[in-house]
Amino acid sequence: MNSHCFRFRPFSSLLGRGSLGFMLCAFWVGCSQSEQITPSPEENETSATPGTGSLTLTANGEDFVRQGFETKDGWAIAFDHVFVTVTEATAYQTDPPYDAKASNALDPSTVTVTQLLVDTPQVVDLAQGDSDADPIAVTTESAPSGRYNALVWAIAPDKAAGREYSIQLVGTATKGDRTIAFDIGFDPSFSYTCGDFVGDSRKGFLDPDAAADLEMTLHFDHIFGDGEAPADDDINTGALGFDPLAAVAEGDTLTTDLATLQAKLSSEDQALLTGAIAGLGHVGEGHCALTQPENNP
């Protein structure tokens, strides 16, 4: 499933330009007094008592991270590992809903419930599992029930644990009779502020004594492009592809990091790569606002 932001993905540009939200419309039908329905005592008690449930944060690299895909310039990518270090994550209930297009941060006055999900670094491998595996569960926490319609999450290196990169891509790229084994590390620290999940399913609706999930989604086709999309599609014009990476490989091996690539790539390719990495973060197809520390490249 090698689609991208501009063609709807069943499960799952650059960053922080917009956020799509679910519109919940309530249709009120007038009733005569004799037709009005009085909730039962049990219904009143349920609505008055929020209760708690289980809220799970998942991380999704989308289907092609596990299934493989073709880049915009014709390389067949197969990932062995896609390591991401999640350093923080907090879910929110807000009223009105957060809109990433309008602001790059939550207005505290709109927050009604705050639920901490991650406060110590968690390393997930988005390539884990077979081709049809579910998104990776990062953590599950007991949380107040309600509609969680905002998610703030961060990725960063965990150098105290010996992890130099926020993202590490390990796999192979094949084009014609050439195969390159790559191990590419990216070390920027990013924090994404996101609104409602956008996709075929609804997420973040937690009923008492029930379970719900929220998803942080990383769109790696922003880096490599999509060979199934037209060359002039936004997902390809804004992507680096793999040809520039193959050009700096040593034989059929590419072991590198962002600082090395920035020194070897052209200024145009540097800009494409930097922008693509920064635009990875989404909630499904929902875009997020980005906060990037000043010491990042």
Protein backbone atom coordinates (compact mmCIF):
# COMPACT_ATOMS: atom_id res chain seq x y z
CA MET A 1 0.00 0.00 0.00
CA ASN A 2 2.36 2.72 -1.25
CA SER A 3 0.08 5.70 -1.04
CA HIS A 4 0.84 8.99 0.61
CA CYS A 5 -0.56 12.12 2.18
CA PHE A 6 -2.33 13.30 -0.89
CA ARG A 7 -3.99 9.98 -1.67
CA PHE A 8 -6.02 8.59 1.22
CA ARG A 9 -4.42 5.69 3.05
CA PRO A 10 -6.60 3.19 4.81
CA PHE A 11 -4.43 3.08 7.89
CA SER A 12 -2.03 5.08 8.18
CA SER A 13 3.50 18.56 2.59
CA LEU A 14 5.46 19.65 4.49
CA LEU A 15 4.77 19.73 8.14
CA GLY A 16 2.47 21.74 10.20
CA ARG A 17 0.55 23.26 7.24
CA GLY A 18 -2.80 21.75 7.97
CA SER A 19 -4.80 19.38 10.08
CA LEU A 20 -7.88 17.47 9.06
CA GLY A 21 -10.41 16.63 11.81
CA PHE A 22 -13.51 14.53 12.14
CA MET A 23 -16.66 16.69 12.13
CA LEU A 24 -19.21 15.36 14.56
CA CYS A 25 -22.69 16.54 13.67
CA ALA A 26 -25.59 16.08 16.06
CA PHE A 27 -29.05 16.09 14.59
CA TRP A 28 -31.64 17.05 17.19
CA VAL A 29 -35.19 16.06 16.45
CA GLY A 30 -37.89 17.99 18.29
CA CYS A 31 -40.34 15.91 20.30
CA SER A 32 -43.59 16.78 21.91
CA GLN A 33 -43.58 16.49 25.67
CA SER A 34 -45.37 13.14 25.43
CA GLU A 35 -42.68 11.83 23.06
CA GLN A 36 -39.69 12.85 25.15
CA ILE A 37 -37.65 9.94 26.50
CA THR A 38 -36.35 10.06 30.05
CA PRO A 39 -33.02 8.27 30.50
CA SER A 40 -32.98 5.42 32.94
CA PRO A 41 -31.18 5.93 36.28
CA GLU A 42 -28.39 3.69 34.97
CA GLU A 43 -27.93 5.92 31.90
CA ASN A 44 -27.88 9.04 34.07
CA GLU A 45 -25.30 7.49 36.33
CA THR A 46 -23.09 6.50 33.37
CA SER A 47 -23.20 9.94 31.80
CA ALA A 48 -22.51 11.69 35.09
CA THR A 49 -19.59 9.46 36.05
CA PRO A 50 -16.75 9.57 33.49
CA GLY A 51 -14.96 6.44 34.68
CA THR A 52 -11.68 5.15 33.28
CA GLY A 53 -10.50 2.85 30.52
CA SER A 54 -7.30 1.67 28.82
CA LEU A 55 -5.64 4.04 26.36
CA THR A 56 -2.93 2.63 24.08
CA LEU A 57 -0.44 4.65 22.07
CA THR A 58 0.64 2.92 18.85
CA ALA A 59 3.37 3.78 16.35
CA ASN A 60 2.80 3.12 12.65
CA GLY A 61 5.26 3.32 9.78
CA GLU A 62 2.46 2.33 7.38
CA ASP A 63 2.15 -0.88 5.42
CA PHE A 64 5.05 -0.31 3.01
CA VAL A 65 7.56 -0.21 5.87
CA ARG A 66 6.83 -3.92 6.37
CA GLN A 67 5.85 -4.80 2.81
CA GLY A 68 8.53 -2.91 0.88
CA PHE A 69 7.98 -0.28 -1.81
CA GLU A 70 9.49 1.42 -4.83
CA THR A 71 11.05 4.87 -4.52
CA LYS A 72 10.34 7.72 -6.92
CA ASP A 73 13.55 6.88 -8.80
CA GLY A 74 12.98 3.15 -9.15
CA TRP A 75 14.75 1.57 -6.18
CA ALA A 76 13.01 -1.34 -4.45
CA ILE A 77 13.32 -0.73 -0.70
CA ALA A 78 13.09 -3.54 1.85
CA PHE A 79 13.46 -2.61 5.51
CA ASP A 80 14.94 -4.96 8.10
CA HIS A 81 14.49 -2.42 10.89
CA VAL A 82 13.00 1.03 11.29
CA PHE A 83 13.95 2.10 14.80
CA VAL A 84 12.26 5.17 16.27
CA THR A 85 12.98 6.52 19.76
CA VAL A 86 9.83 8.01 21.27
CA THR A 87 10.84 10.23 24.18
CA GLU A 88 7.54 11.86 25.18
CA ALA A 89 3.85 11.48 24.43
CA THR A 90 0.79 13.07 26.01
CA ALA A 91 -2.86 12.74 25.00
CA TYR A 92 -5.40 15.51 25.53
CA GLN A 93 -9.10 16.11 25.49
CA THR A 94 -9.70 19.65 24.23
CA ASP A 95 -12.72 21.85 23.69
CA PRO A 96 -12.77 23.16 21.02
CA PRO A 97 -10.68 20.57 19.11
CA TYR A 98 -7.07 21.50 18.39
CA ASP A 99 -6.33 22.69 14.84
CA ALA A 100 -2.69 22.42 13.72
CA LYS A 101 -3.34 24.91 10.92
CA ALA A 102 -4.32 27.60 13.39
CA SER A 103 -1.61 27.11 16.01
CA ASN A 104 1.60 25.19 16.59
CA ALA A 105 0.75 24.63 20.27
CA LEU A 106 -2.25 23.71 22.38
CA ASP A 107 -4.08 26.53 24.13
CA PRO A 108 -4.09 25.46 27.81
CA SER A 109 -7.51 27.04 28.28
CA THR A 110 -8.99 24.49 25.84
CA VAL A 111 -7.57 21.43 27.60
CA THR A 112 -10.09 19.53 29.74
CA VAL A 113 -8.14 16.27 30.34
CA THR A 114 -4.40 15.53 30.18
CA GLN A 115 -3.05 11.97 30.06
CA LEU A 116 0.68 11.29 30.10
CA LEU A 117 1.55 8.25 28.00
CA VAL A 118 5.35 8.29 27.63
CA ASP A 119 7.85 10.09 29.84
CA THR A 120 10.92 7.86 29.40
CA PRO A 121 12.41 6.94 26.00
CA GLN A 122 10.83 3.95 24.26
CA VAL A 123 12.45 2.38 21.18
CA VAL A 124 10.08 0.80 18.67
CA ASP A 125 10.86 -1.06 15.46
CA LEU A 126 8.22 -0.07 12.92
CA ALA A 127 9.32 -2.89 10.59
CA GLN A 128 8.55 -5.51 13.23
CA GLY A 129 6.07 -8.24 12.27
CA ASP A 130 4.83 -9.63 8.99
CA SER A 131 3.49 -7.61 6.07
CA ASP A 132 0.02 -7.32 7.59
CA ALA A 133 1.05 -6.69 11.20
CA ASP A 134 -0.76 -4.11 13.29
CA PRO A 135 0.91 -0.87 14.35
CA ILE A 136 3.37 -1.30 17.22
CA ALA A 137 2.02 -0.74 20.74
CA VAL A 138 4.26 1.74 22.55
CA THR A 139 2.44 1.86 25.89
CA THR A 140 -0.98 1.33 27.50
CA GLU A 141 -2.18 3.47 30.38
CA SER A 142 -5.31 3.75 32.52
CA ALA A 143 -6.98 7.01 31.50
CA PRO A 144 -10.18 8.99 32.13
CA SER A 145 -12.86 8.19 29.58
CA GLY A 146 -13.80 10.69 26.90
CA ARG A 147 -12.70 11.82 23.47
CA TYR A 148 -8.94 12.26 23.13
CA ASN A 149 -8.65 14.62 20.18
CA ALA A 150 -5.07 15.89 20.51
CA LEU A 151 -1.72 14.14 20.79
CA VAL A 152 1.72 15.62 21.43
CA TRP A 153 4.68 13.30 20.83
CA ALA A 154 8.41 13.68 20.48
CA ILE A 155 11.29 11.70 18.99
CA ALA A 156 14.93 12.24 19.98
CA PRO A 157 18.19 10.33 20.45
CA ASP A 158 18.55 8.55 23.81
CA LYS A 159 22.28 8.91 24.18
CA ALA A 160 22.19 7.82 27.82
CA ALA A 161 21.08 4.41 26.58
CA GLY A 162 23.62 4.40 23.74
CA ARG A 163 21.14 5.28 21.00
CA GLU A 164 22.66 8.02 18.85
CA TYR A 165 19.69 8.44 16.54
CA SER A 166 16.05 9.38 16.80
CA ILE A 167 15.42 7.33 13.62
CA GLN A 168 17.55 4.50 12.21
CA LEU A 169 16.73 2.85 8.87
CA VAL A 170 18.30 -0.56 8.14
CA GLY A 171 17.61 -2.54 4.97
CA THR A 172 18.42 -2.95 1.29
CA ALA A 173 17.76 -1.00 -1.87
CA THR A 174 17.79 -2.76 -5.24
CA LYS A 175 17.75 -1.32 -8.75
CA GLY A 176 18.61 -3.43 -11.75
CA ASP A 177 21.58 -5.65 -10.85
CA ARG A 178 22.76 -3.48 -7.96
CA THR A 179 21.77 -4.01 -4.31
CA ILE A 180 22.91 -1.61 -1.59
CA ALA A 181 22.77 -2.58 2.09
CA PHE A 182 22.06 0.60 4.06
CA ASP A 183 22.16 1.69 7.69
CA ILE A 184 21.12 5.33 7.91
CA GLY A 185 20.79 7.26 11.17
CA PHE A 186 18.96 10.56 11.68
CA ASP A 187 19.48 12.46 14.91
CA PRO A 188 17.16 15.51 14.94
CA SER A 189 14.82 15.94 17.90
CA PHE A 190 11.25 16.81 16.91
CA SER A 191 8.04 17.39 18.82
CA TYR A 192 4.74 17.11 16.94
CA THR A 193 1.45 18.59 18.12
CA CYS A 194 -1.43 16.81 16.41
CA GLY A 195 -5.20 16.95 16.37
CA ASP A 196 -7.68 14.20 15.52
CA PHE A 197 -6.52 11.02 13.83
CA VAL A 198 -7.60 11.00 10.17
CA GLY A 199 -8.23 7.63 8.55
CA ASP A 200 -10.84 4.97 7.90
CA SER A 201 -11.20 4.21 11.61
CA ARG A 202 -12.01 6.50 14.54
CA LYS A 203 -9.44 6.70 17.29
CA GLY A 204 -9.29 8.26 20.73
CA PHE A 205 -12.90 7.60 21.80
CA LEU A 206 -12.52 5.96 25.22
CA ASP A 207 -15.60 4.61 27.00
CA PRO A 208 -15.59 3.67 30.70
CA ASP A 209 -14.17 0.19 31.32
CA ALA A 210 -13.25 -0.10 27.63
CA ALA A 211 -10.14 0.30 25.47
CA ALA A 212 -9.13 2.80 22.80
CA ASP A 213 -5.97 3.74 20.94
CA LEU A 214 -4.20 6.76 19.52
CA GLU A 215 -1.64 6.55 16.72
CA MET A 216 1.55 8.39 15.92
CA THR A 217 2.25 7.84 12.21
CA LEU A 218 5.49 8.34 10.31
CA HIS A 219 5.30 8.81 6.53
CA PHE A 220 8.62 7.57 5.14
CA ASP A 221 7.50 8.13 1.56
CA HIS A 222 8.25 11.79 2.33
CA ILE A 223 11.93 10.83 2.22
CA PHE A 224 11.98 8.33 -0.65
CA GLY A 225 8.95 9.26 -2.74
CA ASP A 226 6.46 6.85 -4.24
CA GLY A 227 7.17 4.98 -7.47
CA GLU A 228 3.46 4.37 -7.96
CA ALA A 229 2.67 8.11 -8.01
CA PRO A 230 3.25 10.45 -10.97
CA ALA A 231 6.66 12.11 -11.09
CA ASP A 232 5.10 15.56 -10.65
CA ASP A 233 3.02 14.52 -7.63
CA ASP A 234 3.82 16.50 -4.49
CA ILE A 235 4.97 13.36 -2.71
CA ASN A 236 7.73 12.99 -5.32
CA THR A 237 8.70 16.59 -5.99
CA GLY A 238 9.33 17.06 -2.26
CA ALA A 239 11.15 13.76 -1.70
CA LEU A 240 14.86 12.97 -1.94
CA GLY A 241 14.52 9.50 -3.48
CA PHE A 242 17.36 7.01 -3.25
CA ASP A 243 19.63 7.94 -6.19
CA PRO A 244 21.47 10.65 -4.18
CA LEU A 245 22.06 8.14 -1.37
CA ALA A 246 23.31 5.49 -3.79
CA ALA A 247 25.76 8.02 -5.19
CA VAL A 248 27.52 8.37 -1.82
CA ALA A 249 27.52 4.64 -0.99
CA GLU A 250 30.85 2.86 -0.74
CA GLY A 251 30.42 0.05 -3.22
CA ASP A 252 27.26 -1.76 -2.23
CA THR A 253 27.23 -0.52 1.37
CA LEU A 254 25.85 2.72 2.79
CA THR A 255 26.45 3.33 6.48
CA THR A 256 25.91 6.97 7.23
CA ASP A 257 24.23 9.62 9.34
CA LEU A 258 22.59 12.97 8.72
CA ALA A 259 25.72 15.06 9.32
CA THR A 260 27.68 13.00 6.80
CA LEU A 261 24.90 13.19 4.22
CA GLN A 262 24.62 16.94 4.61
CA ALA A 263 28.33 17.22 3.87
CA LYS A 264 28.12 15.04 0.76
CA LEU A 265 24.76 15.91 -0.78
CA SER A 266 24.13 18.90 -3.00
CA SER A 267 22.49 21.91 -1.32
CA GLU A 268 19.23 21.11 -3.12
CA ASP A 269 19.27 17.51 -1.92
CA GLN A 270 20.20 18.62 1.59
CA ALA A 271 17.11 20.81 1.69
CA LEU A 272 14.90 18.01 0.39
CA LEU A 273 16.19 15.56 3.00
CA THR A 274 15.94 17.99 5.91
CA GLY A 275 12.39 18.97 5.00
CA ALA A 276 11.33 15.36 4.44
CA ILE A 277 12.59 14.23 7.84
CA ALA A 278 10.84 17.13 9.54
CA GLY A 279 7.58 16.26 7.76
CA LEU A 280 7.47 12.63 8.86
CA GLY A 281 5.08 13.08 11.77
CA HIS A 282 1.31 12.62 11.35
CA VAL A 283 -1.71 11.06 13.03
CA GLY A 284 -2.89 8.81 10.21
CA GLU A 285 -3.39 11.32 7.40
CA GLY A 286 -3.80 14.16 9.88
CA HIS A 287 -0.98 16.67 9.75
CA CYS A 288 0.79 17.98 12.83
CA ALA A 289 2.47 21.20 13.86
CA LEU A 290 6.20 20.86 14.44
CA THR A 291 8.48 22.19 17.15
CA GLN A 292 12.15 21.82 16.35
CA PRO A 293 14.87 22.75 18.86
CA GLU A 294 17.11 25.55 17.65
CA ASN A 295 20.23 23.37 17.77
CA ASN A 296 18.80 20.93 15.24
CA PRO A 297 19.99 21.12 11.63
